[in-house]
PDB file of all heavy atoms in Angstrom:
ATOM      1  N   MET A   1       7.074 -10.658   3.574  1.00  0.00           N
ATOM      2  CA  MET A   1       6.452 -11.622   4.473  1.00  0.00           C
ATOM      3  C   MET A   1       7.201 -12.937   4.361  1.00  0.00           C
ATOM      4  O   MET A   1       7.216 -13.563   3.296  1.00  0.00           O
ATOM      5  CB  MET A   1       4.975 -11.813   4.133  1.00  0.00           C
ATOM      6  CG  MET A   1       4.177 -10.514   4.100  1.00  0.00           C
ATOM      7  SD  MET A   1       2.401 -10.794   3.863  1.00  0.00           S
ATOM      8  CE  MET A   1       2.428 -11.514   2.223  1.00  0.00           C
ATOM      9  N   ASN A   2       7.821 -13.355   5.456  1.00  0.00           N
ATOM     10  CA  ASN A   2       8.558 -14.605   5.523  1.00  0.00           C
ATOM     11  C   ASN A   2       7.900 -15.542   6.526  1.00  0.00           C
ATOM     12  O   ASN A   2       7.103 -15.127   7.358  1.00  0.00           O
ATOM     13  CB  ASN A   2      10.007 -14.349   5.928  1.00  0.00           C
ATOM     14  CG  ASN A   2      10.757 -13.485   4.953  1.00  0.00           C
ATOM     15  OD1 ASN A   2      10.534 -13.545   3.747  1.00  0.00           O
ATOM     16  ND2 ASN A   2      11.680 -12.672   5.473  1.00  0.00           N
ATOM     17  N   SER A   3       8.278 -16.808   6.438  1.00  0.00           N
ATOM     18  CA  SER A   3       7.767 -17.824   7.361  1.00  0.00           C
ATOM     19  C   SER A   3       6.248 -17.772   7.454  1.00  0.00           C
ATOM     20  O   SER A   3       5.661 -17.792   8.539  1.00  0.00           O
ATOM     21  CB  SER A   3       8.396 -17.651   8.746  1.00  0.00           C
ATOM     22  OG  SER A   3       9.804 -17.747   8.677  1.00  0.00           O
ATOM     23  N   LEU A   4       5.613 -17.734   6.314  1.00  0.00           N
ATOM     24  CA  LEU A   4       4.168 -17.556   6.280  1.00  0.00           C
ATOM     25  C   LEU A   4       3.439 -18.758   6.868  1.00  0.00           C
ATOM     26  O   LEU A   4       3.882 -19.901   6.741  1.00  0.00           O
ATOM     27  CB  LEU A   4       3.706 -17.302   4.847  1.00  0.00           C
ATOM     28  CG  LEU A   4       3.969 -15.879   4.354  1.00  0.00           C
ATOM     29  CD1 LEU A   4       3.893 -15.810   2.839  1.00  0.00           C
ATOM     30  CD2 LEU A   4       2.969 -14.910   4.981  1.00  0.00           C
ATOM     31  N   LYS A   5       2.333 -18.450   7.499  1.00  0.00           N
ATOM     32  CA  LYS A   5       1.482 -19.438   8.144  1.00  0.00           C
ATOM     33  C   LYS A   5       0.086 -19.380   7.534  1.00  0.00           C
ATOM     34  O   LYS A   5      -0.316 -18.346   7.009  1.00  0.00           O
ATOM     35  CB  LYS A   5       1.383 -19.155   9.645  1.00  0.00           C
ATOM     36  CG  LYS A   5       2.707 -19.043  10.364  1.00  0.00           C
ATOM     37  CD  LYS A   5       2.491 -18.601  11.811  1.00  0.00           C
ATOM     38  CE  LYS A   5       3.799 -18.446  12.542  1.00  0.00           C
ATOM     39  NZ  LYS A   5       3.589 -18.000  13.946  1.00  0.00           N
ATOM     40  N   PRO A   6      -0.673 -20.458   7.625  1.00  0.00           N
ATOM     41  CA  PRO A   6      -2.051 -20.404   7.132  1.00  0.00           C
ATOM     42  C   PRO A   6      -2.868 -19.282   7.764  1.00  0.00           C
ATOM     43  O   PRO A   6      -3.751 -18.723   7.100  1.00  0.00           O
ATOM     44  CB  PRO A   6      -2.614 -21.780   7.510  1.00  0.00           C
ATOM     45  CG  PRO A   6      -1.419 -22.673   7.492  1.00  0.00           C
ATOM     46  CD  PRO A   6      -0.291 -21.826   8.020  1.00  0.00           C
ATOM     47  N   GLU A   7      -2.568 -18.936   9.001  1.00  0.00           N
ATOM     48  CA  GLU A   7      -3.271 -17.855   9.677  1.00  0.00           C
ATOM     49  C   GLU A   7      -3.018 -16.491   9.043  1.00  0.00           C
ATOM     50  O   GLU A   7      -3.733 -15.529   9.351  1.00  0.00           O
ATOM     51  CB  GLU A   7      -2.872 -17.788  11.159  1.00  0.00           C
ATOM     52  CG  GLU A   7      -3.021 -19.100  11.902  1.00  0.00           C
ATOM     53  CD  GLU A   7      -1.728 -19.897  11.907  1.00  0.00           C
ATOM     54  OE1 GLU A   7      -1.515 -20.682  10.955  1.00  0.00           O
ATOM     55  OE2 GLU A   7      -0.934 -19.743  12.866  1.00  0.00           O
ATOM     56  N   ASP A   8      -2.012 -16.377   8.188  1.00  0.00           N
ATOM     57  CA  ASP A   8      -1.742 -15.137   7.479  1.00  0.00           C
ATOM     58  C   ASP A   8      -2.631 -14.955   6.256  1.00  0.00           C
ATOM     59  O   ASP A   8      -2.597 -13.889   5.631  1.00  0.00           O
ATOM     60  CB  ASP A   8      -0.282 -15.073   7.040  1.00  0.00           C
ATOM     61  CG  ASP A   8       0.685 -15.066   8.208  1.00  0.00           C
ATOM     62  OD1 ASP A   8       0.421 -14.358   9.202  1.00  0.00           O
ATOM     63  OD2 ASP A   8       1.712 -15.768   8.127  1.00  0.00           O
ATOM     64  N   THR A   9      -3.394 -15.967   5.898  1.00  0.00           N
ATOM     65  CA  THR A   9      -4.274 -15.876   4.742  1.00  0.00           C
ATOM     66  C   THR A   9      -5.290 -14.758   4.939  1.00  0.00           C
ATOM     67  O   THR A   9      -6.008 -14.722   5.938  1.00  0.00           O
ATOM     68  CB  THR A   9      -4.988 -17.210   4.508  1.00  0.00           C
ATOM     69  OG1 THR A   9      -4.026 -18.205   4.146  1.00  0.00           O
ATOM     70  CG2 THR A   9      -6.014 -17.095   3.391  1.00  0.00           C
ATOM     71  N   ALA A  10      -5.348 -13.838   3.989  1.00  0.00           N
ATOM     72  CA  ALA A  10      -6.241 -12.688   4.083  1.00  0.00           C
ATOM     73  C   ALA A  10      -6.092 -11.852   2.823  1.00  0.00           C
ATOM     74  O   ALA A  10      -5.186 -12.069   2.015  1.00  0.00           O
ATOM     75  CB  ALA A  10      -5.906 -11.828   5.313  1.00  0.00           C
ATOM     76  N   VAL A  11      -6.970 -10.885   2.676  1.00  0.00           N
ATOM     77  CA  VAL A  11      -6.754  -9.811   1.727  1.00  0.00           C
ATOM     78  C   VAL A  11      -5.937  -8.744   2.439  1.00  0.00           C
ATOM     79  O   VAL A  11      -6.294  -8.296   3.530  1.00  0.00           O
ATOM     80  CB  VAL A  11      -8.071  -9.220   1.208  1.00  0.00           C
ATOM     81  CG1 VAL A  11      -7.806  -8.034   0.285  1.00  0.00           C
ATOM     82  CG2 VAL A  11      -8.873 -10.291   0.469  1.00  0.00           C
ATOM     83  N   TYR A  12      -4.842  -8.345   1.834  1.00  0.00           N
ATOM     84  CA  TYR A  12      -3.945  -7.359   2.416  1.00  0.00           C
ATOM     85  C   TYR A  12      -4.151  -6.013   1.742  1.00  0.00           C
ATOM     86  O   TYR A  12      -4.131  -5.904   0.514  1.00  0.00           O
ATOM     87  CB  TYR A  12      -2.490  -7.804   2.274  1.00  0.00           C
ATOM     88  CG  TYR A  12      -2.108  -8.855   3.278  1.00  0.00           C
ATOM     89  CD1 TYR A  12      -2.606 -10.151   3.174  1.00  0.00           C
ATOM     90  CD2 TYR A  12      -1.263  -8.558   4.345  1.00  0.00           C
ATOM     91  CE1 TYR A  12      -2.278 -11.116   4.103  1.00  0.00           C
ATOM     92  CE2 TYR A  12      -0.921  -9.520   5.272  1.00  0.00           C
ATOM     93  CZ  TYR A  12      -1.433 -10.798   5.151  1.00  0.00           C
ATOM     94  OH  TYR A  12      -1.097 -11.755   6.081  1.00  0.00           O
ATOM     95  N   PHE A  13      -4.349  -4.984   2.555  1.00  0.00           N
ATOM     96  CA  PHE A  13      -4.579  -3.628   2.098  1.00  0.00           C
ATOM     97  C   PHE A  13      -3.443  -2.727   2.557  1.00  0.00           C
ATOM     98  O   PHE A  13      -2.958  -2.867   3.678  1.00  0.00           O
ATOM     99  CB  PHE A  13      -5.881  -3.062   2.680  1.00  0.00           C
ATOM    100  CG  PHE A  13      -7.113  -3.817   2.306  1.00  0.00           C
ATOM    101  CD1 PHE A  13      -7.538  -4.901   3.053  1.00  0.00           C
ATOM    102  CD2 PHE A  13      -7.868  -3.436   1.217  1.00  0.00           C
ATOM    103  CE1 PHE A  13      -8.685  -5.596   2.725  1.00  0.00           C
ATOM    104  CE2 PHE A  13      -9.015  -4.112   0.875  1.00  0.00           C
ATOM    105  CZ  PHE A  13      -9.428  -5.195   1.625  1.00  0.00           C
ATOM    106  N   CYS A  14      -3.043  -1.792   1.713  1.00  0.00           N
ATOM    107  CA  CYS A  14      -2.208  -0.717   2.193  1.00  0.00           C
ATOM    108  C   CYS A  14      -3.054   0.542   2.315  1.00  0.00           C
ATOM    109  O   CYS A  14      -4.079   0.707   1.649  1.00  0.00           O
ATOM    110  CB  CYS A  14      -0.981  -0.475   1.309  1.00  0.00           C
ATOM    111  SG  CYS A  14      -1.306   0.172  -0.340  1.00  0.00           S
ATOM    112  N   ALA A  15      -2.625   1.416   3.204  1.00  0.00           N
ATOM    113  CA  ALA A  15      -3.333   2.652   3.479  1.00  0.00           C
ATOM    114  C   ALA A  15      -2.322   3.741   3.776  1.00  0.00           C
ATOM    115  O   ALA A  15      -1.200   3.460   4.213  1.00  0.00           O
ATOM    116  CB  ALA A  15      -4.291   2.474   4.659  1.00  0.00           C
ATOM    117  N   ALA A  16      -2.718   4.982   3.545  1.00  0.00           N
ATOM    118  CA  ALA A  16      -1.809   6.104   3.719  1.00  0.00           C
ATOM    119  C   ALA A  16      -2.527   7.281   4.353  1.00  0.00           C
ATOM    120  O   ALA A  16      -3.728   7.489   4.144  1.00  0.00           O
ATOM    121  CB  ALA A  16      -1.202   6.527   2.381  1.00  0.00           C
ATOM    122  N   ASP A  17      -1.768   8.037   5.117  1.00  0.00           N
ATOM    123  CA  ASP A  17      -2.288   9.251   5.731  1.00  0.00           C
ATOM    124  C   ASP A  17      -1.125  10.134   6.134  1.00  0.00           C
ATOM    125  O   ASP A  17      -0.007   9.640   6.312  1.00  0.00           O
ATOM    126  CB  ASP A  17      -3.157   8.916   6.948  1.00  0.00           C
ATOM    127  CG  ASP A  17      -4.166  10.008   7.239  1.00  0.00           C
ATOM    128  OD1 ASP A  17      -5.275   9.952   6.671  1.00  0.00           O
ATOM    129  OD2 ASP A  17      -3.841  10.914   8.026  1.00  0.00           O
ATOM    130  N   MET A  18      -1.381  11.419   6.296  1.00  0.00           N
ATOM    131  CA  MET A  18      -0.336  12.332   6.719  1.00  0.00           C
ATOM    132  C   MET A  18      -0.693  13.146   7.963  1.00  0.00           C
ATOM    133  O   MET A  18      -0.011  14.120   8.278  1.00  0.00           O
ATOM    134  CB  MET A  18       0.078  13.269   5.579  1.00  0.00           C
ATOM    135  CG  MET A  18      -1.015  14.110   4.997  1.00  0.00           C
ATOM    136  SD  MET A  18      -0.369  15.390   3.868  1.00  0.00           S
ATOM    137  CE  MET A  18       1.031  14.613   3.134  1.00  0.00           C
ATOM    138  N   LYS A  19      -1.722  12.740   8.684  1.00  0.00           N
ATOM    139  CA  LYS A  19      -1.982  13.387   9.966  1.00  0.00           C
ATOM    140  C   LYS A  19      -0.796  13.170  10.886  1.00  0.00           C
ATOM    141  O   LYS A  19      -0.256  12.066  10.959  1.00  0.00           O
ATOM    142  CB  LYS A  19      -3.264  12.832  10.597  1.00  0.00           C
ATOM    143  CG  LYS A  19      -4.514  13.154   9.796  1.00  0.00           C
ATOM    144  CD  LYS A  19      -5.775  12.740  10.538  1.00  0.00           C
ATOM    145  CE  LYS A  19      -5.892  11.235  10.629  1.00  0.00           C
ATOM    146  NZ  LYS A  19      -6.108  10.629   9.285  1.00  0.00           N
ATOM    147  N   PRO A  20      -0.377  14.199  11.607  1.00  0.00           N
ATOM    148  CA  PRO A  20       0.903  14.123  12.325  1.00  0.00           C
ATOM    149  C   PRO A  20       0.919  13.216  13.543  1.00  0.00           C
ATOM    150  O   PRO A  20       1.974  12.717  13.906  1.00  0.00           O
ATOM    151  CB  PRO A  20       1.164  15.575  12.732  1.00  0.00           C
ATOM    152  CG  PRO A  20      -0.189  16.200  12.786  1.00  0.00           C
ATOM    153  CD  PRO A  20      -0.989  15.535  11.699  1.00  0.00           C
ATOM    154  N   ARG A  21      -0.222  12.992  14.186  1.00  0.00           N
ATOM    155  CA  ARG A  21      -0.234  12.251  15.442  1.00  0.00           C
ATOM    156  C   ARG A  21      -1.270  11.139  15.487  1.00  0.00           C
ATOM    157  O   ARG A  21      -0.979  10.045  15.968  1.00  0.00           O
ATOM    158  CB  ARG A  21      -0.453  13.202  16.624  1.00  0.00           C
ATOM    159  CG  ARG A  21       0.756  14.060  16.955  1.00  0.00           C
ATOM    160  CD  ARG A  21       0.394  15.211  17.853  1.00  0.00           C
ATOM    161  NE  ARG A  21      -0.395  16.219  17.148  1.00  0.00           N
ATOM    162  CZ  ARG A  21      -0.828  17.349  17.679  1.00  0.00           C
ATOM    163  NH1 ARG A  21      -0.557  17.623  18.947  1.00  0.00           N
ATOM    164  NH2 ARG A  21      -1.529  18.199  16.964  1.00  0.00           N
ATOM    165  N   ILE A  22      -2.453  11.398  15.014  1.00  0.00           N
ATOM    166  CA  ILE A  22      -3.521  10.398  15.048  1.00  0.00           C
ATOM    167  C   ILE A  22      -3.276   9.355  13.968  1.00  0.00           C
ATOM    168  O   ILE A  22      -3.116   9.690  12.793  1.00  0.00           O
ATOM    169  CB  ILE A  22      -4.898  11.055  14.862  1.00  0.00           C
ATOM    170  CG1 ILE A  22      -5.159  12.057  15.983  1.00  0.00           C
ATOM    171  CG2 ILE A  22      -5.993   9.999  14.817  1.00  0.00           C
ATOM    172  CD1 ILE A  22      -6.426  12.851  15.802  1.00  0.00           C
ATOM    173  N   LEU A  23      -3.247   8.093  14.374  1.00  0.00           N
ATOM    174  CA  LEU A  23      -2.899   7.011  13.465  1.00  0.00           C
ATOM    175  C   LEU A  23      -4.138   6.450  12.767  1.00  0.00           C
ATOM    176  O   LEU A  23      -4.436   5.254  12.839  1.00  0.00           O
ATOM    177  CB  LEU A  23      -2.148   5.911  14.213  1.00  0.00           C
ATOM    178  CG  LEU A  23      -0.816   6.336  14.822  1.00  0.00           C
ATOM    179  CD1 LEU A  23      -0.159   5.166  15.529  1.00  0.00           C
ATOM    180  CD2 LEU A  23       0.114   6.897  13.759  1.00  0.00           C
ATOM    181  N   ALA A  24      -4.847   7.322  12.093  1.00  0.00           N
ATOM    182  CA  ALA A  24      -5.951   6.934  11.239  1.00  0.00           C
ATOM    183  C   ALA A  24      -5.507   7.055   9.788  1.00  0.00           C
ATOM    184  O   ALA A  24      -4.508   7.703   9.480  1.00  0.00           O
ATOM    185  CB  ALA A  24      -7.180   7.794  11.509  1.00  0.00           C
ATOM    186  N   TYR A  25      -6.266   6.437   8.899  1.00  0.00           N
ATOM    187  CA  TYR A  25      -5.895   6.393   7.486  1.00  0.00           C
ATOM    188  C   TYR A  25      -7.077   6.802   6.623  1.00  0.00           C
ATOM    189  O   TYR A  25      -8.171   6.240   6.748  1.00  0.00           O
ATOM    190  CB  TYR A  25      -5.426   4.990   7.098  1.00  0.00           C
ATOM    191  CG  TYR A  25      -4.174   4.574   7.821  1.00  0.00           C
ATOM    192  CD1 TYR A  25      -4.241   3.984   9.077  1.00  0.00           C
ATOM    193  CD2 TYR A  25      -2.926   4.785   7.246  1.00  0.00           C
ATOM    194  CE1 TYR A  25      -3.084   3.611   9.744  1.00  0.00           C
ATOM    195  CE2 TYR A  25      -1.769   4.413   7.908  1.00  0.00           C
ATOM    196  CZ  TYR A  25      -1.854   3.831   9.159  1.00  0.00           C
ATOM    197  OH  TYR A  25      -0.710   3.464   9.816  1.00  0.00           O
ATOM    198  N   ASP A  26      -6.856   7.753   5.733  1.00  0.00           N
ATOM    199  CA  ASP A  26      -7.899   8.250   4.851  1.00  0.00           C
ATOM    200  C   ASP A  26      -7.868   7.627   3.469  1.00  0.00           C
ATOM    201  O   ASP A  26      -8.883   7.651   2.763  1.00  0.00           O
ATOM    202  CB  ASP A  26      -7.794   9.766   4.708  1.00  0.00           C
ATOM    203  CG  ASP A  26      -8.209  10.503   5.962  1.00  0.00           C
ATOM    204  OD1 ASP A  26      -8.991   9.948   6.753  1.00  0.00           O
ATOM    205  OD2 ASP A  26      -7.744  11.645   6.153  1.00  0.00           O
ATOM    206  N   TYR A  27      -6.743   7.084   3.054  1.00  0.00           N
ATOM    207  CA  TYR A  27      -6.571   6.595   1.688  1.00  0.00           C
ATOM    208  C   TYR A  27      -6.220   5.123   1.712  1.00  0.00           C
ATOM    209  O   TYR A  27      -5.291   4.703   2.409  1.00  0.00           O
ATOM    210  CB  TYR A  27      -5.484   7.400   0.963  1.00  0.00           C
ATOM    211  CG  TYR A  27      -5.732   8.881   1.028  1.00  0.00           C
ATOM    212  CD1 TYR A  27      -5.044   9.680   1.926  1.00  0.00           C
ATOM    213  CD2 TYR A  27      -6.678   9.477   0.207  1.00  0.00           C
ATOM    214  CE1 TYR A  27      -5.287  11.033   2.004  1.00  0.00           C
ATOM    215  CE2 TYR A  27      -6.931  10.829   0.281  1.00  0.00           C
ATOM    216  CZ  TYR A  27      -6.234  11.608   1.183  1.00  0.00           C
ATOM    217  OH  TYR A  27      -6.484  12.957   1.260  1.00  0.00           O
ATOM    218  N   TRP A  28      -6.961   4.351   0.921  1.00  0.00           N
ATOM    219  CA  TRP A  28      -6.848   2.897   0.927  1.00  0.00           C
ATOM    220  C   TRP A  28      -6.765   2.345  -0.478  1.00  0.00           C
ATOM    221  O   TRP A  28      -7.401   2.858  -1.395  1.00  0.00           O
ATOM    222  CB  TRP A  28      -8.064   2.269   1.622  1.00  0.00           C
ATOM    223  CG  TRP A  28      -8.140   2.556   3.084  1.00  0.00           C
ATOM    224  CD1 TRP A  28      -8.583   3.695   3.671  1.00  0.00           C
ATOM    225  CD2 TRP A  28      -7.758   1.673   4.138  1.00  0.00           C
ATOM    226  NE1 TRP A  28      -8.501   3.589   5.038  1.00  0.00           N
ATOM    227  CE2 TRP A  28      -8.007   2.353   5.348  1.00  0.00           C
ATOM    228  CE3 TRP A  28      -7.246   0.380   4.177  1.00  0.00           C
ATOM    229  CZ2 TRP A  28      -7.743   1.776   6.590  1.00  0.00           C
ATOM    230  CZ3 TRP A  28      -6.988  -0.197   5.409  1.00  0.00           C
ATOM    231  CH2 TRP A  28      -7.241   0.504   6.593  1.00  0.00           C
ATOM    232  N   GLY A  29      -5.981   1.295  -0.636  1.00  0.00           N
ATOM    233  CA  GLY A  29      -6.027   0.516  -1.851  1.00  0.00           C
ATOM    234  C   GLY A  29      -7.158  -0.483  -1.799  1.00  0.00           C
ATOM    235  O   GLY A  29      -7.903  -0.584  -0.814  1.00  0.00           O
ATOM    236  N   ARG A  30      -7.288  -1.254  -2.859  1.00  0.00           N
ATOM    237  CA  ARG A  30      -8.380  -2.218  -2.950  1.00  0.00           C
ATOM    238  C   ARG A  30      -8.007  -3.611  -2.490  1.00  0.00           C
ATOM    239  O   ARG A  30      -8.882  -4.468  -2.374  1.00  0.00           O
ATOM    240  CB  ARG A  30      -8.909  -2.269  -4.381  1.00  0.00           C
ATOM    241  CG  ARG A  30      -9.610  -0.982  -4.797  1.00  0.00           C
ATOM    242  CD  ARG A  30     -10.332  -1.135  -6.110  1.00  0.00           C
ATOM    243  NE  ARG A  30     -11.108   0.054  -6.434  1.00  0.00           N
ATOM    244  CZ  ARG A  30     -11.932   0.142  -7.457  1.00  0.00           C
ATOM    245  NH1 ARG A  30     -12.087  -0.895  -8.272  1.00  0.00           N
ATOM    246  NH2 ARG A  30     -12.591   1.269  -7.680  1.00  0.00           N
ATOM    247  N   GLY A  31      -6.740  -3.855  -2.225  1.00  0.00           N
ATOM    248  CA  GLY A  31      -6.322  -5.103  -1.623  1.00  0.00           C
ATOM    249  C   GLY A  31      -5.739  -6.095  -2.601  1.00  0.00           C
ATOM    250  O   GLY A  31      -5.980  -6.042  -3.805  1.00  0.00           O
ATOM    251  N   THR A  32      -4.946  -7.015  -2.056  1.00  0.00           N
ATOM    252  CA  THR A  32      -4.390  -8.122  -2.814  1.00  0.00           C
ATOM    253  C   THR A  32      -4.482  -9.383  -1.963  1.00  0.00           C
ATOM    254  O   THR A  32      -4.217  -9.355  -0.761  1.00  0.00           O
ATOM    255  CB  THR A  32      -2.933  -7.835  -3.251  1.00  0.00           C
ATOM    256  OG1 THR A  32      -2.450  -8.885  -4.080  1.00  0.00           O
ATOM    257  CG2 THR A  32      -2.006  -7.667  -2.050  1.00  0.00           C
ATOM    258  N   GLN A  33      -4.880 -10.474  -2.576  1.00  0.00           N
ATOM    259  CA  GLN A  33      -5.131 -11.713  -1.851  1.00  0.00           C
ATOM    260  C   GLN A  33      -3.836 -12.458  -1.570  1.00  0.00           C
ATOM    261  O   GLN A  33      -3.020 -12.672  -2.467  1.00  0.00           O
ATOM    262  CB  GLN A  33      -6.074 -12.614  -2.648  1.00  0.00           C
ATOM    263  CG  GLN A  33      -6.340 -13.974  -2.005  1.00  0.00           C
ATOM    264  CD  GLN A  33      -7.181 -13.874  -0.759  1.00  0.00           C
ATOM    265  OE1 GLN A  33      -8.199 -13.176  -0.748  1.00  0.00           O
ATOM    266  NE2 GLN A  33      -6.760 -14.562   0.299  1.00  0.00           N
ATOM    267  N   VAL A  34      -3.667 -12.879  -0.325  1.00  0.00           N
ATOM    268  CA  VAL A  34      -2.582 -13.757   0.084  1.00  0.00           C
ATOM    269  C   VAL A  34      -3.199 -15.027   0.639  1.00  0.00           C
ATOM    270  O   VAL A  34      -4.018 -14.976   1.559  1.00  0.00           O
ATOM    271  CB  VAL A  34      -1.682 -13.100   1.144  1.00  0.00           C
ATOM    272  CG1 VAL A  34      -0.690 -14.115   1.716  1.00  0.00           C
ATOM    273  CG2 VAL A  34      -0.950 -11.913   0.548  1.00  0.00           C
ATOM    274  N   THR A  35      -2.812 -16.159   0.082  1.00  0.00           N
ATOM    275  CA  THR A  35      -3.306 -17.445   0.545  1.00  0.00           C
ATOM    276  C   THR A  35      -2.119 -18.333   0.887  1.00  0.00           C
ATOM    277  O   THR A  35      -1.230 -18.529   0.054  1.00  0.00           O
ATOM    278  CB  THR A  35      -4.177 -18.129  -0.516  1.00  0.00           C
ATOM    279  OG1 THR A  35      -5.274 -17.272  -0.863  1.00  0.00           O
ATOM    280  CG2 THR A  35      -4.728 -19.443   0.004  1.00  0.00           C
ATOM    281  N   VAL A  36      -2.107 -18.859   2.099  1.00  0.00           N
ATOM    282  CA  VAL A  36      -1.034 -19.729   2.569  1.00  0.00           C
ATOM    283  C   VAL A  36      -1.638 -21.099   2.805  1.00  0.00           C
ATOM    284  O   VAL A  36      -2.500 -21.261   3.668  1.00  0.00           O
ATOM    285  CB  VAL A  36      -0.388 -19.196   3.849  1.00  0.00           C
ATOM    286  CG1 VAL A  36       0.792 -20.078   4.241  1.00  0.00           C
ATOM    287  CG2 VAL A  36       0.060 -17.756   3.659  1.00  0.00           C
ATOM    288  N   SER A  37      -1.186 -22.072   2.060  1.00  0.00           N
ATOM    289  CA  SER A  37      -1.729 -23.418   2.160  1.00  0.00           C
ATOM    290  C   SER A  37      -1.048 -24.180   3.284  1.00  0.00           C
ATOM    291  O   SER A  37       0.146 -24.008   3.551  1.00  0.00           O
ATOM    292  CB  SER A  37      -1.569 -24.160   0.837  1.00  0.00           C
ATOM    293  OG  SER A  37      -0.199 -24.303   0.495  1.00  0.00           O
ATOM    294  N   SER A  38      -1.804 -25.042   3.928  1.00  0.00           N
ATOM    295  CA  SER A  38      -1.292 -25.832   5.036  1.00  0.00           C
ATOM    296  C   SER A  38      -0.734 -27.162   4.561  1.00  0.00           C
ATOM    297  O   SER A  38      -0.948 -27.583   3.423  1.00  0.00           O
ATOM    298  CB  SER A  38      -2.374 -26.060   6.079  1.00  0.00           C
ATOM    299  OG  SER A  38      -3.473 -26.744   5.510  1.00  0.00           O
TER     300      SER A  38
END
């Protein structure tokens, strides 16, 4: 993540799935906090 903005502040989650076509996700992490100060 480059050129970060305050609007990027959030908890960021990654997710994974192996369904071939439908872009849904069954497996999730618990997240990591990103805070961008203004």
